[in-house]
Amino acid sequence: VQLQASGGGLVQPGGSLRLSCAYSGLTLEDFAIGWWRQAPGKEREWVSCRSSDGSLDYSNSATGRFSIPRDNAKNTVYLQMNSLKPEDTAVYYCAADMSGCGISMDYWGKGTQVTVSS
């Protein structure tokens, strides 16, 4: 299983950004894929999860602003982030696990930096 997150960058407050998590070696029918983030000096924080049954979950900070669309043809899950705030600044990671989204995920991709600043 391999995961590769990309799409980070610098965006102004209120703007949008779409992160991509390209995956291989797994099927979404068997694995959950989630997004985490880690800001400087803070612990890694769960953001969102697409479970193997297709259900979607979001953290309180992500609810109403973020979504997790997918593109089966490209083997990619996205994190669409809207109404971004400076506190969303972090390194974002995607991860996968057959048991669902939890504290310990079996597979992690390298992170992508998101900076929200004017």
PDB file of N, CA and C in Angstrom:
ATOM      1  N   VAL A   1       0.851  -1.195   0.000  1.00  0.00           N
ATOM      2  CA  VAL A   1       0.000   0.000   0.000  1.00  0.00           C
ATOM      3  C   VAL A   1       0.883   1.240   0.000  1.00  0.00           C
ATOM      4  N   GLN A   2       0.548   2.156  -0.875  1.00  0.00           N
ATOM      5  CA  GLN A   2       1.261   3.431  -0.924  1.00  0.00           C
ATOM      6  C   GLN A   2       0.263   4.581  -1.010  1.00  0.00           C
ATOM      7  N   LEU A   3       0.604   5.651  -0.328  1.00  0.00           N
ATOM      8  CA  LEU A   3      -0.208   6.852  -0.319  1.00  0.00           C
ATOM      9  C   LEU A   3       0.688   8.043  -0.581  1.00  0.00           C
ATOM     10  N   GLN A   4       0.198   8.987  -1.360  1.00  0.00           N
ATOM     11  CA  GLN A   4       0.971  10.190  -1.650  1.00  0.00           C
ATOM     12  C   GLN A   4       0.048  11.399  -1.589  1.00  0.00           C
ATOM     13  N   ALA A   5       0.276  12.244  -0.593  1.00  0.00           N
ATOM     14  CA  ALA A   5      -0.497  13.476  -0.470  1.00  0.00           C
ATOM     15  C   ALA A   5       0.192  14.594  -1.232  1.00  0.00           C
ATOM     16  N   SER A   6      -0.603  15.443  -1.847  1.00  0.00           N
ATOM     17  CA  SER A   6      -0.062  16.577  -2.589  1.00  0.00           C
ATOM     18  C   SER A   6      -1.109  17.678  -2.647  1.00  0.00           C
ATOM     19  N   GLY A   7      -0.698  18.835  -3.150  1.00  0.00           N
ATOM     20  CA  GLY A   7      -1.647  19.918  -3.364  1.00  0.00           C
ATOM     21  C   GLY A   7      -1.574  21.036  -2.353  1.00  0.00           C
ATOM     22  N   GLY A   8      -0.678  20.941  -1.394  1.00  0.00           N
ATOM     23  CA  GLY A   8      -0.558  21.994  -0.410  1.00  0.00           C
ATOM     24  C   GLY A   8       0.010  23.263  -1.009  1.00  0.00           C
ATOM     25  N   GLY A   9      -0.052  24.335  -0.220  1.00  0.00           N
ATOM     26  CA  GLY A   9       0.470  25.605  -0.693  1.00  0.00           C
ATOM     27  C   GLY A   9       0.068  26.727   0.227  1.00  0.00           C
ATOM     28  N   LEU A  10       0.265  27.931  -0.263  1.00  0.00           N
ATOM     29  CA  LEU A  10      -0.078  29.143   0.470  1.00  0.00           C
ATOM     30  C   LEU A  10      -1.420  29.673  -0.049  1.00  0.00           C
ATOM     31  N   VAL A  11      -2.335  29.943   0.867  1.00  0.00           N
ATOM     32  CA  VAL A  11      -3.652  30.451   0.486  1.00  0.00           C
ATOM     33  C   VAL A  11      -4.066  31.519   1.482  1.00  0.00           C
ATOM     34  N   GLN A  12      -4.811  32.493   1.012  1.00  0.00           N
ATOM     35  CA  GLN A  12      -5.269  33.558   1.893  1.00  0.00           C
ATOM     36  C   GLN A  12      -6.454  33.100   2.736  1.00  0.00           C
ATOM     37  N   PRO A  13      -6.642  33.703   3.903  1.00  0.00           N
ATOM     38  CA  PRO A  13      -7.821  33.371   4.717  1.00  0.00           C
ATOM     39  C   PRO A  13      -9.102  33.542   3.911  1.00  0.00           C
ATOM     40  N   GLY A  14     -10.009  32.591   4.082  1.00  0.00           N
ATOM     41  CA  GLY A  14     -11.249  32.601   3.311  1.00  0.00           C
ATOM     42  C   GLY A  14     -11.149  31.870   1.996  1.00  0.00           C
ATOM     43  N   GLY A  15      -9.945  31.512   1.595  1.00  0.00           N
ATOM     44  CA  GLY A  15      -9.750  30.834   0.320  1.00  0.00           C
ATOM     45  C   GLY A  15      -9.985  29.335   0.406  1.00  0.00           C
ATOM     46  N   SER A  16      -9.763  28.678  -0.726  1.00  0.00           N
ATOM     47  CA  SER A  16      -9.978  27.233  -0.827  1.00  0.00           C
ATOM     48  C   SER A  16      -8.722  26.549  -1.345  1.00  0.00           C
ATOM     49  N   LEU A  17      -8.633  25.275  -1.017  1.00  0.00           N
ATOM     50  CA  LEU A  17      -7.522  24.457  -1.469  1.00  0.00           C
ATOM     51  C   LEU A  17      -7.996  23.019  -1.535  1.00  0.00           C
ATOM     52  N   ARG A  18      -7.523  22.283  -2.522  1.00  0.00           N
ATOM     53  CA  ARG A  18      -7.871  20.878  -2.627  1.00  0.00           C
ATOM     54  C   ARG A  18      -6.617  20.031  -2.543  1.00  0.00           C
ATOM     55  N   LEU A  19      -6.552  19.206  -1.544  1.00  0.00           N
ATOM     56  CA  LEU A  19      -5.449  18.266  -1.403  1.00  0.00           C
ATOM     57  C   LEU A  19      -5.822  16.937  -2.051  1.00  0.00           C
ATOM     58  N   SER A  20      -4.818  16.253  -2.563  1.00  0.00           N
ATOM     59  CA  SER A  20      -5.022  14.953  -3.192  1.00  0.00           C
ATOM     60  C   SER A  20      -4.275  13.881  -2.423  1.00  0.00           C
ATOM     61  N   CYS A  21      -4.874  12.720  -2.335  1.00  0.00           N
ATOM     62  CA  CYS A  21      -4.216  11.546  -1.765  1.00  0.00           C
ATOM     63  C   CYS A  21      -4.325  10.433  -2.802  1.00  0.00           C
ATOM     64  N   ALA A  22      -3.237  10.244  -3.536  1.00  0.00           N
ATOM     65  CA  ALA A  22      -3.194   9.175  -4.535  1.00  0.00           C
ATOM     66  C   ALA A  22      -2.797   7.881  -3.847  1.00  0.00           C
ATOM     67  N   TYR A  23      -3.580   6.829  -4.072  1.00  0.00           N
ATOM     68  CA  TYR A  23      -3.320   5.573  -3.382  1.00  0.00           C
ATOM     69  C   TYR A  23      -3.117   4.428  -4.378  1.00  0.00           C
ATOM     70  N   SER A  24      -2.400   3.437  -3.918  1.00  0.00           N
ATOM     71  CA  SER A  24      -2.205   2.216  -4.696  1.00  0.00           C
ATOM     72  C   SER A  24      -2.101   1.047  -3.735  1.00  0.00           C
ATOM     73  N   GLY A  25      -2.444  -0.140  -4.217  1.00  0.00           N
ATOM     74  CA  GLY A  25      -2.339  -1.332  -3.384  1.00  0.00           C
ATOM     75  C   GLY A  25      -3.502  -1.543  -2.433  1.00  0.00           C
ATOM     76  N   LEU A  26      -4.567  -0.789  -2.602  1.00  0.00           N
ATOM     77  CA  LEU A  26      -5.734  -0.958  -1.753  1.00  0.00           C
ATOM     78  C   LEU A  26      -6.998  -0.619  -2.532  1.00  0.00           C
ATOM     79  N   THR A  27      -8.115  -1.051  -2.012  1.00  0.00           N
ATOM     80  CA  THR A  27      -9.395  -0.645  -2.576  1.00  0.00           C
ATOM     81  C   THR A  27     -10.205   0.056  -1.488  1.00  0.00           C
ATOM     82  N   LEU A  28     -10.950   1.056  -1.860  1.00  0.00           N
ATOM     83  CA  LEU A  28     -11.711   1.818  -0.879  1.00  0.00           C
ATOM     84  C   LEU A  28     -12.836   0.988  -0.272  1.00  0.00           C
ATOM     85  N   GLU A  29     -13.180  -0.127  -0.912  1.00  0.00           N
ATOM     86  CA  GLU A  29     -14.201  -0.996  -0.334  1.00  0.00           C
ATOM     87  C   GLU A  29     -13.661  -1.772   0.863  1.00  0.00           C
ATOM     88  N   ASP A  30     -12.342  -1.839   0.975  1.00  0.00           N
ATOM     89  CA  ASP A  30     -11.724  -2.585   2.073  1.00  0.00           C
ATOM     90  C   ASP A  30     -11.019  -1.699   3.090  1.00  0.00           C
ATOM     91  N   PHE A  31     -10.654  -0.486   2.687  1.00  0.00           N
ATOM     92  CA  PHE A  31      -9.863   0.390   3.531  1.00  0.00           C
ATOM     93  C   PHE A  31     -10.598   1.707   3.802  1.00  0.00           C
ATOM     94  N   ALA A  32     -10.391   2.217   4.979  1.00  0.00           N
ATOM     95  CA  ALA A  32     -10.755   3.596   5.272  1.00  0.00           C
ATOM     96  C   ALA A  32      -9.567   4.482   4.955  1.00  0.00           C
ATOM     97  N   ILE A  33      -9.848   5.649   4.412  1.00  0.00           N
ATOM     98  CA  ILE A  33      -8.797   6.652   4.183  1.00  0.00           C
ATOM     99  C   ILE A  33      -9.179   7.915   4.918  1.00  0.00           C
ATOM    100  N   GLY A  34      -8.240   8.453   5.649  1.00  0.00           N
ATOM    101  CA  GLY A  34      -8.510   9.660   6.416  1.00  0.00           C
ATOM    102  C   GLY A  34      -7.427  10.698   6.246  1.00  0.00           C
ATOM    103  N   TRP A  35      -7.739  11.872   6.729  1.00  0.00           N
ATOM    104  CA  TRP A  35      -6.804  12.994   6.704  1.00  0.00           C
ATOM    105  C   TRP A  35      -6.505  13.426   8.136  1.00  0.00           C
ATOM    106  N   TRP A  36      -5.255  13.694   8.366  1.00  0.00           N
ATOM    107  CA  TRP A  36      -4.774  14.232   9.648  1.00  0.00           C
ATOM    108  C   TRP A  36      -3.948  15.474   9.361  1.00  0.00           C
ATOM    109  N   ARG A  37      -3.717  16.266  10.376  1.00  0.00           N
ATOM    110  CA  ARG A  37      -2.848  17.414  10.229  1.00  0.00           C
ATOM    111  C   ARG A  37      -2.067  17.637  11.502  1.00  0.00           C
ATOM    112  N   GLN A  38      -0.921  18.276  11.335  1.00  0.00           N
ATOM    113  CA  GLN A  38      -0.078  18.583  12.483  1.00  0.00           C
ATOM    114  C   GLN A  38       0.483  19.980  12.317  1.00  0.00           C
ATOM    115  N   ALA A  39       0.119  20.845  13.240  1.00  0.00           N
ATOM    116  CA  ALA A  39       0.635  22.207  13.246  1.00  0.00           C
ATOM    117  C   ALA A  39       1.904  22.254  14.087  1.00  0.00           C
ATOM    118  N   PRO A  40       2.762  23.240  13.870  1.00  0.00           N
ATOM    119  CA  PRO A  40       4.007  23.342  14.633  1.00  0.00           C
ATOM    120  C   PRO A  40       3.739  23.376  16.132  1.00  0.00           C
ATOM    121  N   GLY A  41       4.431  22.515  16.862  1.00  0.00           N
ATOM    122  CA  GLY A  41       4.299  22.500  18.302  1.00  0.00           C
ATOM    123  C   GLY A  41       3.051  21.829  18.831  1.00  0.00           C
ATOM    124  N   LYS A  42       2.257  21.237  17.930  1.00  0.00           N
ATOM    125  CA  LYS A  42       1.018  20.597  18.350  1.00  0.00           C
ATOM    126  C   LYS A  42       1.020  19.122  17.966  1.00  0.00           C
ATOM    127  N   GLU A  43       0.144  18.359  18.600  1.00  0.00           N
ATOM    128  CA  GLU A  43       0.013  16.952  18.274  1.00  0.00           C
ATOM    129  C   GLU A  43      -0.757  16.785  16.965  1.00  0.00           C
ATOM    130  N   ARG A  44      -0.559  15.620  16.366  1.00  0.00           N
ATOM    131  CA  ARG A  44      -1.298  15.323  15.142  1.00  0.00           C
ATOM    132  C   ARG A  44      -2.787  15.261  15.454  1.00  0.00           C
ATOM    133  N   GLU A  45      -3.577  15.827  14.577  1.00  0.00           N
ATOM    134  CA  GLU A  45      -5.011  15.990  14.806  1.00  0.00           C
ATOM    135  C   GLU A  45      -5.795  15.352  13.656  1.00  0.00           C
ATOM    136  N   TRP A  46      -6.776  14.564  13.983  1.00  0.00           N
ATOM    137  CA  TRP A  46      -7.618  13.966  12.963  1.00  0.00           C
ATOM    138  C   TRP A  46      -8.521  15.037  12.342  1.00  0.00           C
ATOM    139  N   VAL A  47      -8.703  14.967  11.010  1.00  0.00           N
ATOM    140  CA  VAL A  47      -9.510  15.962  10.291  1.00  0.00           C
ATOM    141  C   VAL A  47     -10.769  15.346   9.700  1.00  0.00           C
ATOM    142  N   SER A  48     -10.594  14.240   8.968  1.00  0.00           N
ATOM    143  CA  SER A  48     -11.746  13.671   8.278  1.00  0.00           C
ATOM    144  C   SER A  48     -11.470  12.226   7.924  1.00  0.00           C
ATOM    145  N   CYS A  49     -12.546  11.481   7.620  1.00  0.00           N
ATOM    146  CA  CYS A  49     -12.401  10.065   7.303  1.00  0.00           C
ATOM    147  C   CYS A  49     -13.460   9.619   6.314  1.00  0.00           C
ATOM    148  N   ARG A  50     -13.014   8.848   5.331  1.00  0.00           N
ATOM    149  CA  ARG A  50     -13.939   8.147   4.439  1.00  0.00           C
ATOM    150  C   ARG A  50     -13.817   6.667   4.791  1.00  0.00           C
ATOM    151  N   SER A  51     -14.864   6.100   5.370  1.00  0.00           N
ATOM    152  CA  SER A  51     -14.806   4.706   5.791  1.00  0.00           C
ATOM    153  C   SER A  51     -15.030   3.775   4.608  1.00  0.00           C
ATOM    154  N   SER A  52     -14.750   2.514   4.812  1.00  0.00           N
ATOM    155  CA  SER A  52     -14.879   1.548   3.723  1.00  0.00           C
ATOM    156  C   SER A  52     -16.330   1.354   3.294  1.00  0.00           C
ATOM    157  N   ASP A  53     -17.279   1.686   4.149  1.00  0.00           N
ATOM    158  CA  ASP A  53     -18.688   1.582   3.764  1.00  0.00           C
ATOM    159  C   ASP A  53     -19.199   2.855   3.098  1.00  0.00           C
ATOM    160  N   GLY A  54     -18.279   3.814   2.896  1.00  0.00           N
ATOM    161  CA  GLY A  54     -18.636   5.048   2.207  1.00  0.00           C
ATOM    162  C   GLY A  54     -19.061   6.180   3.118  1.00  0.00           C
ATOM    163  N   SER A  55     -19.196   5.908   4.403  1.00  0.00           N
ATOM    164  CA  SER A  55     -19.599   6.967   5.314  1.00  0.00           C
ATOM    165  C   SER A  55     -18.466   7.967   5.513  1.00  0.00           C
ATOM    166  N   LEU A  56     -18.844   9.194   5.771  1.00  0.00           N
ATOM    167  CA  LEU A  56     -17.884  10.294   5.914  1.00  0.00           C
ATOM    168  C   LEU A  56     -18.006  10.913   7.302  1.00  0.00           C
ATOM    169  N   ASP A  57     -16.882  11.213   7.885  1.00  0.00           N
ATOM    170  CA  ASP A  57     -16.863  11.851   9.198  1.00  0.00           C
ATOM    171  C   ASP A  57     -15.879  13.003   9.188  1.00  0.00           C
ATOM    172  N   TYR A  58     -16.205  14.000   9.981  1.00  0.00           N
ATOM    173  CA  TYR A  58     -15.367  15.191  10.040  1.00  0.00           C
ATOM    174  C   TYR A  58     -15.172  15.631  11.482  1.00  0.00           C
ATOM    175  N   SER A  59     -14.019  16.215  11.742  1.00  0.00           N
ATOM    176  CA  SER A  59     -13.803  16.811  13.043  1.00  0.00           C
ATOM    177  C   SER A  59     -14.685  18.046  13.176  1.00  0.00           C
ATOM    178  N   ASN A  60     -14.815  18.526  14.401  1.00  0.00           N
ATOM    179  CA  ASN A  60     -15.637  19.725  14.605  1.00  0.00           C
ATOM    180  C   ASN A  60     -15.101  20.899  13.794  1.00  0.00           C
ATOM    181  N   SER A  61     -13.784  21.024  13.726  1.00  0.00           N
ATOM    182  CA  SER A  61     -13.206  22.165  13.017  1.00  0.00           C
ATOM    183  C   SER A  61     -13.386  22.058  11.502  1.00  0.00           C
ATOM    184  N   ALA A  62     -13.582  20.843  11.004  1.00  0.00           N
ATOM    185  CA  ALA A  62     -13.713  20.631   9.570  1.00  0.00           C
ATOM    186  C   ALA A  62     -15.168  20.619   9.097  1.00  0.00           C
ATOM    187  N   THR A  63     -16.067  20.335   9.982  1.00  0.00           N
ATOM    188  CA  THR A  63     -17.486  20.215   9.611  1.00  0.00           C
ATOM    189  C   THR A  63     -17.994  21.505   8.991  1.00  0.00           C
ATOM    190  N   GLY A  64     -18.622  21.353   7.829  1.00  0.00           N
ATOM    191  CA  GLY A  64     -19.189  22.503   7.151  1.00  0.00           C
ATOM    192  C   GLY A  64     -18.225  23.229   6.236  1.00  0.00           C
ATOM    193  N   ARG A  65     -16.944  22.928   6.359  1.00  0.00           N
ATOM    194  CA  ARG A  65     -15.953  23.609   5.518  1.00  0.00           C
ATOM    195  C   ARG A  65     -15.185  22.646   4.616  1.00  0.00           C
ATOM    196  N   PHE A  66     -14.977  21.432   5.082  1.00  0.00           N
ATOM    197  CA  PHE A  66     -14.173  20.451   4.343  1.00  0.00           C
ATOM    198  C   PHE A  66     -15.059  19.324   3.823  1.00  0.00           C
ATOM    199  N   SER A  67     -14.616  18.691   2.752  1.00  0.00           N
ATOM    200  CA  SER A  67     -15.290  17.504   2.241  1.00  0.00           C
ATOM    201  C   SER A  67     -14.251  16.544   1.679  1.00  0.00           C
ATOM    202  N   ILE A  68     -14.673  15.295   1.441  1.00  0.00           N
ATOM    203  CA  ILE A  68     -13.737  14.251   0.995  1.00  0.00           C
ATOM    204  C   ILE A  68     -14.275  13.599  -0.287  1.00  0.00           C
ATOM    205  N   PRO A  69     -14.212  14.277  -1.424  1.00  0.00           N
ATOM    206  CA  PRO A  69     -14.623  13.633  -2.674  1.00  0.00           C
ATOM    207  C   PRO A  69     -13.581  12.596  -3.106  1.00  0.00           C
ATOM    208  N   ARG A  70     -13.969  11.754  -4.031  1.00  0.00           N
ATOM    209  CA  ARG A  70     -13.072  10.721  -4.522  1.00  0.00           C
ATOM    210  C   ARG A  70     -13.160  10.654  -6.037  1.00  0.00           C
ATOM    211  N   ASP A  71     -12.121  10.142  -6.650  1.00  0.00           N
ATOM    212  CA  ASP A  71     -12.097   9.898  -8.092  1.00  0.00           C
ATOM    213  C   ASP A  71     -11.598   8.481  -8.280  1.00  0.00           C
ATOM    214  N   ASN A  72     -12.512   7.560  -8.532  1.00  0.00           N
ATOM    215  CA  ASN A  72     -12.130   6.152  -8.660  1.00  0.00           C
ATOM    216  C   ASN A  72     -11.178   5.925  -9.827  1.00  0.00           C
ATOM    217  N   ALA A  73     -11.404   6.633 -10.910  1.00  0.00           N
ATOM    218  CA  ALA A  73     -10.575   6.435 -12.100  1.00  0.00           C
ATOM    219  C   ALA A  73      -9.123   6.828 -11.855  1.00  0.00           C
ATOM    220  N   LYS A  74      -8.920   7.764 -10.942  1.00  0.00           N
ATOM    221  CA  LYS A  74      -7.559   8.237 -10.657  1.00  0.00           C
ATOM    222  C   LYS A  74      -7.010   7.643  -9.363  1.00  0.00           C
ATOM    223  N   ASN A  75      -7.771   6.749  -8.719  1.00  0.00           N
ATOM    224  CA  ASN A  75      -7.333   6.197  -7.424  1.00  0.00           C
ATOM    225  C   ASN A  75      -6.899   7.321  -6.483  1.00  0.00           C
ATOM    226  N   THR A  76      -7.773   8.274  -6.334  1.00  0.00           N
ATOM    227  CA  THR A  76      -7.436   9.450  -5.538  1.00  0.00           C
ATOM    228  C   THR A  76      -8.617   9.837  -4.655  1.00  0.00           C
ATOM    229  N   VAL A  77      -8.296  10.171  -3.422  1.00  0.00           N
ATOM    230  CA  VAL A  77      -9.250  10.777  -2.496  1.00  0.00           C
ATOM    231  C   VAL A  77      -8.768  12.189  -2.231  1.00  0.00           C
ATOM    232  N   TYR A  78      -9.677  13.106  -2.205  1.00  0.00           N
ATOM    233  CA  TYR A  78      -9.321  14.515  -2.031  1.00  0.00           C
ATOM    234  C   TYR A  78      -9.752  15.027  -0.656  1.00  0.00           C
ATOM    235  N   LEU A  79      -9.160  16.110  -0.259  1.00  0.00           N
ATOM    236  CA  LEU A  79      -9.651  16.890   0.873  1.00  0.00           C
ATOM    237  C   LEU A  79      -9.911  18.287   0.329  1.00  0.00           C
ATOM    238  N   GLN A  80     -11.180  18.585   0.111  1.00  0.00           N
ATOM    239  CA  GLN A  80     -11.565  19.908  -0.368  1.00  0.00           C
ATOM    240  C   GLN A  80     -11.754  20.810   0.841  1.00  0.00           C
ATOM    241  N   MET A  81     -10.969  21.852   0.915  1.00  0.00           N
ATOM    242  CA  MET A  81     -11.006  22.751   2.070  1.00  0.00           C
ATOM    243  C   MET A  81     -11.469  24.123   1.623  1.00  0.00           C
ATOM    244  N   ASN A  82     -12.539  24.598   2.199  1.00  0.00           N
ATOM    245  CA  ASN A  82     -13.094  25.920   1.902  1.00  0.00           C
ATOM    246  C   ASN A  82     -13.085  26.780   3.152  1.00  0.00           C
ATOM    247  N   SER A  83     -13.241  28.066   2.948  1.00  0.00           N
ATOM    248  CA  SER A  83     -13.281  29.023   4.074  1.00  0.00           C
ATOM    249  C   SER A  83     -12.106  28.800   5.015  1.00  0.00           C
ATOM    250  N   LEU A  84     -10.939  28.726   4.456  1.00  0.00           N
ATOM    251  CA  LEU A  84      -9.755  28.413   5.256  1.00  0.00           C
ATOM    252  C   LEU A  84      -9.419  29.521   6.236  1.00  0.00           C
ATOM    253  N   LYS A  85      -8.892  29.107   7.378  1.00  0.00           N
ATOM    254  CA  LYS A  85      -8.532  30.018   8.455  1.00  0.00           C
ATOM    255  C   LYS A  85      -7.047  29.852   8.768  1.00  0.00           C
ATOM    256  N   PRO A  86      -6.433  30.867   9.349  1.00  0.00           N
ATOM    257  CA  PRO A  86      -5.013  30.723   9.715  1.00  0.00           C
ATOM    258  C   PRO A  86      -4.758  29.511  10.601  1.00  0.00           C
ATOM    259  N   GLU A  87      -5.707  29.146  11.433  1.00  0.00           N
ATOM    260  CA  GLU A  87      -5.516  27.983  12.311  1.00  0.00           C
ATOM    261  C   GLU A  87      -5.567  26.655  11.573  1.00  0.00           C
ATOM    262  N   ASP A  88      -5.890  26.676  10.283  1.00  0.00           N
ATOM    263  CA  ASP A  88      -5.819  25.463   9.468  1.00  0.00           C
ATOM    264  C   ASP A  88      -4.389  25.207   8.971  1.00  0.00           C
ATOM    265  N   THR A  89      -3.492  26.131   9.224  1.00  0.00           N
ATOM    266  CA  THR A  89      -2.101  25.962   8.816  1.00  0.00           C
ATOM    267  C   THR A  89      -1.494  24.744   9.499  1.00  0.00           C
ATOM    268  N   ALA A  90      -0.980  23.826   8.706  1.00  0.00           N
ATOM    269  CA  ALA A  90      -0.418  22.584   9.235  1.00  0.00           C
ATOM    270  C   ALA A  90       0.145  21.759   8.089  1.00  0.00           C
ATOM    271  N   VAL A  91       0.848  20.719   8.450  1.00  0.00           N
ATOM    272  CA  VAL A  91       1.197  19.682   7.477  1.00  0.00           C
ATOM    273  C   VAL A  91       0.059  18.674   7.483  1.00  0.00           C
ATOM    274  N   TYR A  92      -0.457  18.380   6.310  1.00  0.00           N
ATOM    275  CA  TYR A  92      -1.606  17.478   6.171  1.00  0.00           C
ATOM    276  C   TYR A  92      -1.136  16.125   5.648  1.00  0.00           C
ATOM    277  N   TYR A  93      -1.654  15.068   6.259  1.00  0.00           N
ATOM    278  CA  TYR A  93      -1.299  13.702   5.902  1.00  0.00           C
ATOM    279  C   TYR A  93      -2.555  12.902   5.565  1.00  0.00           C
ATOM    280  N   CYS A  94      -2.445  11.983   4.632  1.00  0.00           N
ATOM    281  CA  CYS A  94      -3.495  11.000   4.441  1.00  0.00           C
ATOM    282  C   CYS A  94      -2.983   9.645   4.927  1.00  0.00           C
ATOM    283  N   ALA A  95      -3.901   8.826   5.382  1.00  0.00           N
ATOM    284  CA  ALA A  95      -3.550   7.527   5.936  1.00  0.00           C
ATOM    285  C   ALA A  95      -4.664   6.534   5.651  1.00  0.00           C
ATOM    286  N   ALA A  96      -4.336   5.255   5.680  1.00  0.00           N
ATOM    287  CA  ALA A  96      -5.305   4.210   5.373  1.00  0.00           C
ATOM    288  C   ALA A  96      -5.170   3.050   6.353  1.00  0.00           C
ATOM    289  N   ASP A  97      -6.295   2.402   6.592  1.00  0.00           N
ATOM    290  CA  ASP A  97      -6.311   1.253   7.509  1.00  0.00           C
ATOM    291  C   ASP A  97      -7.558   0.429   7.223  1.00  0.00           C
ATOM    292  N   MET A  98      -7.422  -0.894   7.312  1.00  0.00           N
ATOM    293  CA  MET A  98      -8.579  -1.763   7.081  1.00  0.00           C
ATOM    294  C   MET A  98      -9.582  -1.712   8.223  1.00  0.00           C
ATOM    295  N   SER A  99      -9.113  -1.264   9.383  1.00  0.00           N
ATOM    296  CA  SER A  99      -9.990  -1.269  10.558  1.00  0.00           C
ATOM    297  C   SER A  99     -10.744   0.046  10.752  1.00  0.00           C
ATOM    298  N   GLY A 100     -10.541   0.983   9.850  1.00  0.00           N
ATOM    299  CA  GLY A 100     -11.199   2.271   9.998  1.00  0.00           C
ATOM    300  C   GLY A 100     -10.229   3.349  10.426  1.00  0.00           C
ATOM    301  N   CYS A 101     -10.746   4.556  10.630  1.00  0.00           N
ATOM    302  CA  CYS A 101      -9.900   5.684  11.007  1.00  0.00           C
ATOM    303  C   CYS A 101      -9.751   5.722  12.516  1.00  0.00           C
ATOM    304  N   GLY A 102      -8.541   5.635  12.971  1.00  0.00           N
ATOM    305  CA  GLY A 102      -8.291   5.647  14.397  1.00  0.00           C
ATOM    306  C   GLY A 102      -6.952   6.259  14.709  1.00  0.00           C
ATOM    307  N   ILE A 103      -6.563   6.113  15.949  1.00  0.00           N
ATOM    308  CA  ILE A 103      -5.309   6.709  16.386  1.00  0.00           C
ATOM    309  C   ILE A 103      -4.133   6.083  15.662  1.00  0.00           C
ATOM    310  N   SER A 104      -4.200   4.791  15.452  1.00  0.00           N
ATOM    311  CA  SER A 104      -3.105   4.080  14.811  1.00  0.00           C
ATOM    312  C   SER A 104      -3.547   3.607  13.443  1.00  0.00           C
ATOM    313  N   MET A 105      -2.990   4.181  12.404  1.00  0.00           N
ATOM    314  CA  MET A 105      -3.295   3.796  11.040  1.00  0.00           C
ATOM    315  C   MET A 105      -2.109   3.003  10.486  1.00  0.00           C
ATOM    316  N   ASP A 106      -2.416   2.001   9.683  1.00  0.00           N
ATOM    317  CA  ASP A 106      -1.349   1.138   9.199  1.00  0.00           C
ATOM    318  C   ASP A 106      -0.459   1.816   8.158  1.00  0.00           C
ATOM    319  N   TYR A 107      -1.048   2.649   7.318  1.00  0.00           N
ATOM    320  CA  TYR A 107      -0.302   3.227   6.208  1.00  0.00           C
ATOM    321  C   TYR A 107      -0.452   4.751   6.203  1.00  0.00           C
ATOM    322  N   TRP A 108       0.695   5.402   6.023  1.00  0.00           N
ATOM    323  CA  TRP A 108       0.706   6.865   5.998  1.00  0.00           C
ATOM    324  C   TRP A 108       1.432   7.338   4.753  1.00  0.00           C
ATOM    325  N   GLY A 109       0.948   8.441   4.208  1.00  0.00           N
ATOM    326  CA  GLY A 109       1.667   9.102   3.137  1.00  0.00           C
ATOM    327  C   GLY A 109       2.499  10.227   3.716  1.00  0.00           C
ATOM    328  N   LYS A 110       3.415  10.749   2.907  1.00  0.00           N
ATOM    329  CA  LYS A 110       4.169  11.925   3.318  1.00  0.00           C
ATOM    330  C   LYS A 110       3.241  13.136   3.328  1.00  0.00           C
ATOM    331  N   GLY A 111       3.537  14.064   4.170  1.00  0.00           N
ATOM    332  CA  GLY A 111       2.665  15.204   4.337  1.00  0.00           C
ATOM    333  C   GLY A 111       2.836  16.264   3.270  1.00  0.00           C
ATOM    334  N   THR A 112       1.847  17.158   3.232  1.00  0.00           N
ATOM    335  CA  THR A 112       1.900  18.310   2.344  1.00  0.00           C
ATOM    336  C   THR A 112       1.556  19.542   3.165  1.00  0.00           C
ATOM    337  N   GLN A 113       2.351  20.597   2.995  1.00  0.00           N
ATOM    338  CA  GLN A 113       2.213  21.783   3.832  1.00  0.00           C
ATOM    339  C   GLN A 113       1.095  22.682   3.316  1.00  0.00           C
ATOM    340  N   VAL A 114       0.232  23.095   4.233  1.00  0.00           N
ATOM    341  CA  VAL A 114      -0.799  24.079   3.939  1.00  0.00           C
ATOM    342  C   VAL A 114      -0.556  25.285   4.840  1.00  0.00           C
ATOM    343  N   THR A 115      -0.437  26.454   4.234  1.00  0.00           N
ATOM    344  CA  THR A 115      -0.237  27.685   4.989  1.00  0.00           C
ATOM    345  C   THR A 115      -1.345  28.652   4.622  1.00  0.00           C
ATOM    346  N   VAL A 116      -2.073  29.092   5.640  1.00  0.00           N
ATOM    347  CA  VAL A 116      -3.164  30.049   5.428  1.00  0.00           C
ATOM    348  C   VAL A 116      -2.727  31.377   6.042  1.00  0.00           C
ATOM    349  N   SER A 117      -2.463  32.333   5.178  1.00  0.00           N
ATOM    350  CA  SER A 117      -1.923  33.601   5.647  1.00  0.00           C
ATOM    351  C   SER A 117      -2.170  34.677   4.606  1.00  0.00           C
ATOM    352  N   SER A 118      -2.339  35.902   5.093  1.00  0.00           N
ATOM    353  CA  SER A 118      -2.483  37.029   4.181  1.00  0.00           C
ATOM    354  C   SER A 118      -1.124  37.684   3.937  1.00  0.00           C
TER     355      SER A 118
END
